[in-house]
Amino acid sequence: MSDRDLHNLIARYAELVDTGDFAGVGELFAEGTYSAGFGSASGAADVTKAFQRIVILYPDGTPRTKHVTTNTILELDGDTAAARSYFTVFQAVADLLPLQPIASGRYHDTFTRRDGQWRFTERRVTVDLAGDLRHHLHQIP
């Protein structure tokens, strides 16, 4: 099992959020905790509910965002791993044109490998720079 599996897991999170698949996001944290400015949620159901409560979805079923994850540093130790990454969130909606960055910050992740599969143990989100989040979040931390 290569570190590519961890990179793919990190990228899968961004893909699921950007497609509005919050149940899928929740499943990524079925055995983990997601912590951000709104607080923290643990387990699939709680993480799903948190995203549904916080993130604005548009008629196409998406938040009209693109989460870009970069500068990922992985540290593997047997069946556990940690990662630090930067993220930038871009958004374009009718009231917020042209396409623009609305937030950037850092992810601090821990993972566990069970039955050959990497899983999130924890994701801590820190927003370092924020733009106009009014069209992305129902609650702005």
C-alpha atoms as a PDB file:
ATOM      1  CA  MET A   1       0.000   0.000   0.000  1.00  0.00           C
ATOM      2  CA  SER A   2       1.542   3.274  -1.133  1.00  0.00           C
ATOM      3  CA  ASP A   3       1.213   6.826   0.073  1.00  0.00           C
ATOM      4  CA  ARG A   4      -0.861   7.362  -3.069  1.00  0.00           C
ATOM      5  CA  ASP A   5      -3.786   5.832  -1.166  1.00  0.00           C
ATOM      6  CA  LEU A   6      -3.498   8.588   1.443  1.00  0.00           C
ATOM      7  CA  HIS A   7      -3.249  11.296  -1.227  1.00  0.00           C
ATOM      8  CA  ASN A   8      -6.363   9.833  -2.859  1.00  0.00           C
ATOM      9  CA  LEU A   9      -8.244   9.865   0.459  1.00  0.00           C
ATOM     10  CA  ILE A  10      -7.348  13.524   0.985  1.00  0.00           C
ATOM     11  CA  ALA A  11      -8.478  14.334  -2.580  1.00  0.00           C
ATOM     12  CA  ARG A  12     -11.669  12.297  -2.168  1.00  0.00           C
ATOM     13  CA  TYR A  13     -12.744  14.607   0.670  1.00  0.00           C
ATOM     14  CA  ALA A  14     -12.466  17.653  -1.636  1.00  0.00           C
ATOM     15  CA  GLU A  15     -14.355  15.866  -4.416  1.00  0.00           C
ATOM     16  CA  LEU A  16     -17.209  14.852  -2.112  1.00  0.00           C
ATOM     17  CA  VAL A  17     -17.599  18.328  -0.599  1.00  0.00           C
ATOM     18  CA  ASP A  18     -17.551  19.993  -4.028  1.00  0.00           C
ATOM     19  CA  THR A  19     -20.205  17.624  -5.397  1.00  0.00           C
ATOM     20  CA  GLY A  20     -22.418  18.183  -2.342  1.00  0.00           C
ATOM     21  CA  ASP A  21     -22.179  14.538  -1.266  1.00  0.00           C
ATOM     22  CA  PHE A  22     -22.210  15.189   2.478  1.00  0.00           C
ATOM     23  CA  ALA A  23     -23.209  11.612   3.275  1.00  0.00           C
ATOM     24  CA  GLY A  24     -20.034  10.576   1.455  1.00  0.00           C
ATOM     25  CA  VAL A  25     -18.028  13.079   3.494  1.00  0.00           C
ATOM     26  CA  GLY A  26     -19.579  11.619   6.637  1.00  0.00           C
ATOM     27  CA  GLU A  27     -18.549   8.112   5.604  1.00  0.00           C
ATOM     28  CA  LEU A  28     -14.937   9.276   5.367  1.00  0.00           C
ATOM     29  CA  PHE A  29     -15.192  10.041   9.091  1.00  0.00           C
ATOM     30  CA  ALA A  30     -17.152   6.938  10.096  1.00  0.00           C
ATOM     31  CA  GLU A  31     -14.380   6.194  12.595  1.00  0.00           C
ATOM     32  CA  GLY A  32     -13.039   9.700  12.961  1.00  0.00           C
ATOM     33  CA  THR A  33     -13.561  13.287  14.035  1.00  0.00           C
ATOM     34  CA  TYR A  34     -13.831  16.443  11.951  1.00  0.00           C
ATOM     35  CA  SER A  35     -12.982  19.705  13.744  1.00  0.00           C
ATOM     36  CA  ALA A  36     -13.345  23.206  12.310  1.00  0.00           C
ATOM     37  CA  GLY A  37     -14.526  26.667  13.311  1.00  0.00           C
ATOM     38  CA  PHE A  38     -18.071  25.414  13.963  1.00  0.00           C
ATOM     39  CA  GLY A  39     -16.856  22.836  16.490  1.00  0.00           C
ATOM     40  CA  SER A  40     -16.326  19.138  15.977  1.00  0.00           C
ATOM     41  CA  ALA A  41     -18.330  16.127  14.860  1.00  0.00           C
ATOM     42  CA  SER A  42     -17.524  12.426  15.128  1.00  0.00           C
ATOM     43  CA  GLY A  43     -18.807   9.496  13.119  1.00  0.00           C
ATOM     44  CA  ALA A  44     -20.590   9.372   9.785  1.00  0.00           C
ATOM     45  CA  ALA A  45     -24.023  10.599  10.906  1.00  0.00           C
ATOM     46  CA  ASP A  46     -22.752  13.559  12.942  1.00  0.00           C
ATOM     47  CA  VAL A  47     -20.295  14.726  10.278  1.00  0.00           C
ATOM     48  CA  THR A  48     -22.992  14.454   7.599  1.00  0.00           C
ATOM     49  CA  LYS A  49     -25.415  16.507   9.716  1.00  0.00           C
ATOM     50  CA  ALA A  50     -22.754  19.131  10.438  1.00  0.00           C
ATOM     51  CA  PHE A  51     -22.052  19.646   6.722  1.00  0.00           C
ATOM     52  CA  GLN A  52     -25.776  19.773   5.931  1.00  0.00           C
ATOM     53  CA  ARG A  53     -26.287  22.378   8.653  1.00  0.00           C
ATOM     54  CA  ILE A  54     -23.295  24.578   7.773  1.00  0.00           C
ATOM     55  CA  VAL A  55     -22.688  24.464   3.992  1.00  0.00           C
ATOM     56  CA  ILE A  56     -25.032  26.186   1.529  1.00  0.00           C
ATOM     57  CA  LEU A  57     -26.130  24.049  -1.430  1.00  0.00           C
ATOM     58  CA  TYR A  58     -27.389  25.534  -4.696  1.00  0.00           C
ATOM     59  CA  PRO A  59     -30.092  24.252  -7.085  1.00  0.00           C
ATOM     60  CA  ASP A  60     -27.524  22.031  -8.843  1.00  0.00           C
ATOM     61  CA  GLY A  61     -26.995  20.225  -5.500  1.00  0.00           C
ATOM     62  CA  THR A  62     -23.462  21.548  -5.010  1.00  0.00           C
ATOM     63  CA  PRO A  63     -21.913  24.352  -2.971  1.00  0.00           C
ATOM     64  CA  ARG A  64     -20.454  25.764  -6.221  1.00  0.00           C
ATOM     65  CA  THR A  65     -16.932  25.377  -4.809  1.00  0.00           C
ATOM     66  CA  LYS A  66     -13.617  23.831  -5.718  1.00  0.00           C
ATOM     67  CA  HIS A  67     -11.420  22.753  -2.817  1.00  0.00           C
ATOM     68  CA  VAL A  68      -7.776  22.605  -3.889  1.00  0.00           C
ATOM     69  CA  THR A  69      -5.384  20.763  -1.572  1.00  0.00           C
ATOM     70  CA  THR A  70      -1.636  21.350  -1.934  1.00  0.00           C
ATOM     71  CA  ASN A  71       1.716  21.109  -0.156  1.00  0.00           C
ATOM     72  CA  THR A  72       0.790  17.804   1.476  1.00  0.00           C
ATOM     73  CA  ILE A  73       3.403  16.407   3.823  1.00  0.00           C
ATOM     74  CA  LEU A  74       2.854  12.764   4.805  1.00  0.00           C
ATOM     75  CA  GLU A  75       4.389  10.953   7.746  1.00  0.00           C
ATOM     76  CA  LEU A  76       3.783   7.191   7.758  1.00  0.00           C
ATOM     77  CA  ASP A  77       4.379   4.920  10.735  1.00  0.00           C
ATOM     78  CA  GLY A  78       3.134   1.390  10.079  1.00  0.00           C
ATOM     79  CA  ASP A  79      -0.652   1.400  10.248  1.00  0.00           C
ATOM     80  CA  THR A  80      -0.898   5.048  11.291  1.00  0.00           C
ATOM     81  CA  ALA A  81      -0.101   8.209   9.394  1.00  0.00           C
ATOM     82  CA  ALA A  82      -0.311  11.963   9.671  1.00  0.00           C
ATOM     83  CA  ALA A  83      -0.563  14.669   7.030  1.00  0.00           C
ATOM     84  CA  ARG A  84      -0.355  18.427   6.883  1.00  0.00           C
ATOM     85  CA  SER A  85      -1.783  20.190   3.844  1.00  0.00           C
ATOM     86  CA  TYR A  86      -2.771  23.620   2.605  1.00  0.00           C
ATOM     87  CA  PHE A  87      -6.210  24.187   1.126  1.00  0.00           C
ATOM     88  CA  THR A  88      -7.795  26.928  -0.944  1.00  0.00           C
ATOM     89  CA  VAL A  89     -11.531  27.099  -1.592  1.00  0.00           C
ATOM     90  CA  PHE A  90     -12.722  28.811  -4.762  1.00  0.00           C
ATOM     91  CA  GLN A  91     -16.352  29.723  -5.391  1.00  0.00           C
ATOM     92  CA  ALA A  92     -18.455  31.230  -8.176  1.00  0.00           C
ATOM     93  CA  VAL A  93     -22.145  32.000  -7.732  1.00  0.00           C
ATOM     94  CA  ALA A  94     -24.360  34.653  -9.317  1.00  0.00           C
ATOM     95  CA  ASP A  95     -23.862  37.058  -6.395  1.00  0.00           C
ATOM     96  CA  LEU A  96     -20.128  36.377  -6.196  1.00  0.00           C
ATOM     97  CA  LEU A  97     -18.494  36.751  -9.605  1.00  0.00           C
ATOM     98  CA  PRO A  98     -15.949  36.238 -10.980  1.00  0.00           C
ATOM     99  CA  LEU A  99     -14.586  32.977  -9.604  1.00  0.00           C
ATOM    100  CA  GLN A 100     -12.589  33.842  -6.513  1.00  0.00           C
ATOM    101  CA  PRO A 101     -10.817  32.360  -3.512  1.00  0.00           C
ATOM    102  CA  ILE A 102     -13.038  32.512  -0.433  1.00  0.00           C
ATOM    103  CA  ALA A 103     -10.845  30.738   2.120  1.00  0.00           C
ATOM    104  CA  SER A 104      -7.441  29.175   2.619  1.00  0.00           C
ATOM    105  CA  GLY A 105      -5.833  27.398   5.484  1.00  0.00           C
ATOM    106  CA  ARG A 106      -4.452  24.109   6.728  1.00  0.00           C
ATOM    107  CA  TYR A 107      -5.603  20.563   7.288  1.00  0.00           C
ATOM    108  CA  HIS A 108      -3.965  18.512  10.040  1.00  0.00           C
ATOM    109  CA  ASP A 109      -4.964  14.897   9.494  1.00  0.00           C
ATOM    110  CA  THR A 110      -4.352  11.590  11.198  1.00  0.00           C
ATOM    111  CA  PHE A 111      -5.155   8.214   9.672  1.00  0.00           C
ATOM    112  CA  THR A 112      -5.354   4.569  10.631  1.00  0.00           C
ATOM    113  CA  ARG A 113      -5.023   1.629   8.257  1.00  0.00           C
ATOM    114  CA  ARG A 114      -7.420  -1.194   9.033  1.00  0.00           C
ATOM    115  CA  ASP A 115      -8.013  -4.227   6.804  1.00  0.00           C
ATOM    116  CA  GLY A 116      -5.694  -2.692   4.208  1.00  0.00           C
ATOM    117  CA  GLN A 117      -7.761   0.515   3.975  1.00  0.00           C
ATOM    118  CA  TRP A 118      -6.696   3.972   5.161  1.00  0.00           C
ATOM    119  CA  ARG A 119      -9.334   5.861   7.173  1.00  0.00           C
ATOM    120  CA  PHE A 120      -9.472   9.319   8.687  1.00  0.00           C
ATOM    121  CA  THR A 121      -8.965   9.328  12.437  1.00  0.00           C
ATOM    122  CA  GLU A 122      -9.103  13.104  12.683  1.00  0.00           C
ATOM    123  CA  ARG A 123      -9.119  16.209  10.514  1.00  0.00           C
ATOM    124  CA  ARG A 124      -8.478  19.578  12.149  1.00  0.00           C
ATOM    125  CA  VAL A 125      -9.222  22.536   9.886  1.00  0.00           C
ATOM    126  CA  THR A 126      -7.626  25.923  10.461  1.00  0.00           C
ATOM    127  CA  VAL A 127      -8.673  28.840   8.264  1.00  0.00           C
ATOM    128  CA  ASP A 128      -5.764  31.270   7.929  1.00  0.00           C
ATOM    129  CA  LEU A 129      -7.264  33.649   5.352  1.00  0.00           C
ATOM    130  CA  ALA A 130     -10.962  34.223   4.741  1.00  0.00           C
ATOM    131  CA  GLY A 131     -12.749  36.089   1.999  1.00  0.00           C
ATOM    132  CA  ASP A 132     -16.470  36.386   1.344  1.00  0.00           C
ATOM    133  CA  LEU A 133     -17.966  33.275   2.952  1.00  0.00           C
ATOM    134  CA  ARG A 134     -21.586  34.516   2.934  1.00  0.00           C
ATOM    135  CA  HIS A 135     -22.424  32.388  -0.120  1.00  0.00           C
ATOM    136  CA  HIS A 136     -20.731  29.248   1.204  1.00  0.00           C
ATOM    137  CA  LEU A 137     -21.631  28.878   4.885  1.00  0.00           C
ATOM    138  CA  HIS A 138     -24.888  29.300   6.770  1.00  0.00           C
ATOM    139  CA  GLN A 139     -22.859  30.041   9.904  1.00  0.00           C
ATOM    140  CA  ILE A 140     -19.618  31.949   9.577  1.00  0.00           C
ATOM    141  CA  PRO A 141     -17.288  31.068  12.479  1.00  0.00           C
END
